[in-house]
């Protein structure tokens, strides 16, 4: 059968999805795929996963009423966001510790400089008393 032929049908047959609902007749144009990819900034990837893992994702996705690939995309995004936050928290904590240590060192140096200055002042005062 030529798919360009017109199929005569009634309104009821069209509403029942008897015509045009066969998966082998459904295609997505390359332009539509590119438009969706561009709109959502999606990049096709290839990854090998265990069949059982894919089946688990399909089961979970069906419970949420979504496809398994959007579910996987959502889970990967949540993981990546969480990891980035953890890395930033650790870096901030390390910087805070380094800053605290630098302040302690500076305070220690100032304290020792203060002791040295006090010692110098005492020596100067002692010299002035001898002169007077």
C-alpha atoms as a PDB file:
ATOM      1  CA  UNK A   1       0.000   0.000   0.000  1.00  0.00           C
ATOM      2  CA  UNK A   2       1.268   3.444  -0.864  1.00  0.00           C
ATOM      3  CA  UNK A   3       1.179   5.598   2.270  1.00  0.00           C
ATOM      4  CA  UNK A   4       0.335   8.617   0.173  1.00  0.00           C
ATOM      5  CA  UNK A   5      -3.046   7.128  -0.679  1.00  0.00           C
ATOM      6  CA  UNK A   6      -6.080   8.654   0.905  1.00  0.00           C
ATOM      7  CA  UNK A   7      -7.849   6.302   3.251  1.00  0.00           C
ATOM      8  CA  UNK A   8     -11.577   6.689   3.412  1.00  0.00           C
ATOM      9  CA  UNK A   9     -12.813   6.661   6.976  1.00  0.00           C
ATOM     10  CA  UNK A  10     -15.623   7.910   9.105  1.00  0.00           C
ATOM     11  CA  UNK A  11     -15.380  10.382  11.972  1.00  0.00           C
ATOM     12  CA  UNK A  12     -15.891   7.521  14.443  1.00  0.00           C
ATOM     13  CA  UNK A  13     -13.006   5.540  12.953  1.00  0.00           C
ATOM     14  CA  UNK A  14     -10.757   8.589  13.176  1.00  0.00           C
ATOM     15  CA  UNK A  15     -11.772   9.269  16.784  1.00  0.00           C
ATOM     16  CA  UNK A  16     -11.154   5.635  17.729  1.00  0.00           C
ATOM     17  CA  UNK A  17      -7.566   6.031  16.432  1.00  0.00           C
ATOM     18  CA  UNK A  18      -8.088   3.025  14.191  1.00  0.00           C
ATOM     19  CA  UNK A  19      -6.381   4.890  11.359  1.00  0.00           C
ATOM     20  CA  UNK A  20      -3.002   6.563  11.687  1.00  0.00           C
ATOM     21  CA  UNK A  21      -2.101   5.210  15.106  1.00  0.00           C
ATOM     22  CA  UNK A  22       0.184   2.407  13.956  1.00  0.00           C
ATOM     23  CA  UNK A  23       3.738   2.943  15.279  1.00  0.00           C
ATOM     24  CA  UNK A  24       5.341   1.978  11.979  1.00  0.00           C
ATOM     25  CA  UNK A  25       3.578   4.940  10.358  1.00  0.00           C
ATOM     26  CA  UNK A  26       4.719   7.465  12.948  1.00  0.00           C
ATOM     27  CA  UNK A  27       7.958   9.284  12.237  1.00  0.00           C
ATOM     28  CA  UNK A  28       9.619  12.415  13.498  1.00  0.00           C
ATOM     29  CA  UNK A  29      11.179  14.640  10.920  1.00  0.00           C
ATOM     30  CA  UNK A  30      14.892  15.409  11.297  1.00  0.00           C
ATOM     31  CA  UNK A  31      13.946  19.101  11.453  1.00  0.00           C
ATOM     32  CA  UNK A  32      11.686  18.429  14.465  1.00  0.00           C
ATOM     33  CA  UNK A  33      14.418  16.453  16.230  1.00  0.00           C
ATOM     34  CA  UNK A  34      16.906  19.264  15.616  1.00  0.00           C
ATOM     35  CA  UNK A  35      14.414  21.892  16.824  1.00  0.00           C
ATOM     36  CA  UNK A  36      13.799  19.959  20.057  1.00  0.00           C
ATOM     37  CA  UNK A  37      17.526  19.422  20.559  1.00  0.00           C
ATOM     38  CA  UNK A  38      18.276  23.108  19.988  1.00  0.00           C
ATOM     39  CA  UNK A  39      15.406  24.302  22.178  1.00  0.00           C
ATOM     40  CA  UNK A  40      16.386  22.193  25.182  1.00  0.00           C
ATOM     41  CA  UNK A  41      20.146  22.279  24.587  1.00  0.00           C
ATOM     42  CA  UNK A  42      20.199  18.491  24.454  1.00  0.00           C
ATOM     43  CA  UNK A  43      23.108  16.524  23.070  1.00  0.00           C
ATOM     44  CA  UNK A  44      22.696  12.909  22.031  1.00  0.00           C
ATOM     45  CA  UNK A  45      24.984  10.515  23.907  1.00  0.00           C
ATOM     46  CA  UNK A  46      25.651   6.815  23.772  1.00  0.00           C
ATOM     47  CA  UNK A  47      26.162   4.849  26.967  1.00  0.00           C
ATOM     48  CA  UNK A  48      26.142   1.157  27.792  1.00  0.00           C
ATOM     49  CA  UNK A  49      24.028   0.237  30.798  1.00  0.00           C
ATOM     50  CA  UNK A  50      22.929  -3.049  32.306  1.00  0.00           C
ATOM     51  CA  UNK A  51      19.593  -4.257  30.922  1.00  0.00           C
ATOM     52  CA  UNK A  52      18.240  -4.629  34.456  1.00  0.00           C
ATOM     53  CA  UNK A  53      19.041  -0.979  35.198  1.00  0.00           C
ATOM     54  CA  UNK A  54      17.186   0.161  32.101  1.00  0.00           C
ATOM     55  CA  UNK A  55      14.228  -2.032  33.046  1.00  0.00           C
ATOM     56  CA  UNK A  56      14.261  -0.493  36.539  1.00  0.00           C
ATOM     57  CA  UNK A  57      14.236   3.000  35.041  1.00  0.00           C
ATOM     58  CA  UNK A  58      11.371   2.046  32.739  1.00  0.00           C
ATOM     59  CA  UNK A  59       9.385   0.676  35.690  1.00  0.00           C
ATOM     60  CA  UNK A  60       9.984   3.760  37.824  1.00  0.00           C
ATOM     61  CA  UNK A  61       9.252   6.090  34.903  1.00  0.00           C
ATOM     62  CA  UNK A  62       5.961   4.326  34.185  1.00  0.00           C
ATOM     63  CA  UNK A  63       4.945   4.851  37.816  1.00  0.00           C
ATOM     64  CA  UNK A  64       5.517   8.596  37.368  1.00  0.00           C
ATOM     65  CA  UNK A  65       3.872   8.625  33.954  1.00  0.00           C
ATOM     66  CA  UNK A  66       6.966   9.771  32.077  1.00  0.00           C
ATOM     67  CA  UNK A  67       9.471   8.192  29.721  1.00  0.00           C
ATOM     68  CA  UNK A  68      12.576   6.529  31.124  1.00  0.00           C
ATOM     69  CA  UNK A  69      14.987   8.808  29.265  1.00  0.00           C
ATOM     70  CA  UNK A  70      13.586  12.040  30.764  1.00  0.00           C
ATOM     71  CA  UNK A  71      13.695  10.292  34.154  1.00  0.00           C
ATOM     72  CA  UNK A  72      17.354   9.365  33.630  1.00  0.00           C
ATOM     73  CA  UNK A  73      18.113  12.927  32.510  1.00  0.00           C
ATOM     74  CA  UNK A  74      16.401  14.280  35.653  1.00  0.00           C
ATOM     75  CA  UNK A  75      18.294  11.890  37.944  1.00  0.00           C
ATOM     76  CA  UNK A  76      21.639  12.674  36.316  1.00  0.00           C
ATOM     77  CA  UNK A  77      20.955  16.416  36.637  1.00  0.00           C
ATOM     78  CA  UNK A  78      20.050  16.048  40.330  1.00  0.00           C
ATOM     79  CA  UNK A  79      23.250  14.073  40.940  1.00  0.00           C
ATOM     80  CA  UNK A  80      25.454  16.562  39.068  1.00  0.00           C
ATOM     81  CA  UNK A  81      23.878  19.534  40.886  1.00  0.00           C
ATOM     82  CA  UNK A  82      24.361  17.821  44.246  1.00  0.00           C
ATOM     83  CA  UNK A  83      28.003  16.976  43.501  1.00  0.00           C
ATOM     84  CA  UNK A  84      28.753  20.541  42.370  1.00  0.00           C
ATOM     85  CA  UNK A  85      27.245  21.900  45.596  1.00  0.00           C
ATOM     86  CA  UNK A  86      29.299  19.461  47.674  1.00  0.00           C
ATOM     87  CA  UNK A  87      32.503  20.404  45.853  1.00  0.00           C
ATOM     88  CA  UNK A  88      31.786  24.112  46.371  1.00  0.00           C
ATOM     89  CA  UNK A  89      30.978  23.555  50.068  1.00  0.00           C
ATOM     90  CA  UNK A  90      34.267  21.701  50.564  1.00  0.00           C
ATOM     91  CA  UNK A  91      36.229  24.400  48.711  1.00  0.00           C
ATOM     92  CA  UNK A  92      34.549  27.137  50.768  1.00  0.00           C
ATOM     93  CA  UNK A  93      35.290  25.260  53.982  1.00  0.00           C
ATOM     94  CA  UNK A  94      38.933  24.813  52.967  1.00  0.00           C
ATOM     95  CA  UNK A  95      39.227  28.504  52.098  1.00  0.00           C
ATOM     96  CA  UNK A  96      37.649  29.427  55.433  1.00  0.00           C
ATOM     97  CA  UNK A  97      40.153  27.214  57.287  1.00  0.00           C
ATOM     98  CA  UNK A  98      43.043  28.717  55.331  1.00  0.00           C
ATOM     99  CA  UNK A  99      41.784  32.225  56.108  1.00  0.00           C
ATOM    100  CA  UNK A 100      41.470  31.368  59.823  1.00  0.00           C
ATOM    101  CA  UNK A 101      45.004  29.942  59.849  1.00  0.00           C
ATOM    102  CA  UNK A 102      46.388  33.023  58.082  1.00  0.00           C
ATOM    103  CA  UNK A 103      44.669  35.268  60.643  1.00  0.00           C
ATOM    104  CA  UNK A 104      46.091  33.199  63.505  1.00  0.00           C
ATOM    105  CA  UNK A 105      49.579  33.480  62.030  1.00  0.00           C
ATOM    106  CA  UNK A 106      49.193  37.228  61.535  1.00  0.00           C
ATOM    107  CA  UNK A 107      47.916  37.647  65.108  1.00  0.00           C
ATOM    108  CA  UNK A 108      50.821  35.575  66.407  1.00  0.00           C
ATOM    109  CA  UNK A 109      53.311  37.679  64.450  1.00  0.00           C
ATOM    110  CA  UNK A 110      51.705  40.882  65.716  1.00  0.00           C
ATOM    111  CA  UNK A 111      51.808  39.538  69.261  1.00  0.00           C
ATOM    112  CA  UNK A 112      55.499  38.646  68.963  1.00  0.00           C
ATOM    113  CA  UNK A 113      56.163  42.029  67.332  1.00  0.00           C
ATOM    114  CA  UNK A 114      54.320  43.646  70.230  1.00  0.00           C
ATOM    115  CA  UNK A 115      56.490  41.738  72.733  1.00  0.00           C
ATOM    116  CA  UNK A 116      59.595  42.769  70.825  1.00  0.00           C
ATOM    117  CA  UNK A 117      58.445  46.397  70.702  1.00  0.00           C
ATOM    118  CA  UNK A 118      57.675  46.333  74.456  1.00  0.00           C
ATOM    119  CA  UNK A 119      61.140  44.896  75.128  1.00  0.00           C
ATOM    120  CA  UNK A 120      62.733  47.624  72.992  1.00  0.00           C
ATOM    121  CA  UNK A 121      60.738  50.304  74.835  1.00  0.00           C
ATOM    122  CA  UNK A 122      61.850  48.929  78.203  1.00  0.00           C
ATOM    123  CA  UNK A 123      65.488  48.932  77.071  1.00  0.00           C
ATOM    124  CA  UNK A 124      65.146  52.497  75.783  1.00  0.00           C
ATOM    125  CA  UNK A 125      63.526  53.611  79.046  1.00  0.00           C
ATOM    126  CA  UNK A 126      66.331  51.967  81.019  1.00  0.00           C
ATOM    127  CA  UNK A 127      68.958  53.779  78.904  1.00  0.00           C
ATOM    128  CA  UNK A 128      67.179  57.087  79.447  1.00  0.00           C
ATOM    129  CA  UNK A 129      67.093  56.529  83.219  1.00  0.00           C
ATOM    130  CA  UNK A 130      70.841  55.890  83.210  1.00  0.00           C
ATOM    131  CA  UNK A 131      71.452  59.094  81.282  1.00  0.00           C
ATOM    132  CA  UNK A 132      69.223  61.124  83.605  1.00  0.00           C
END
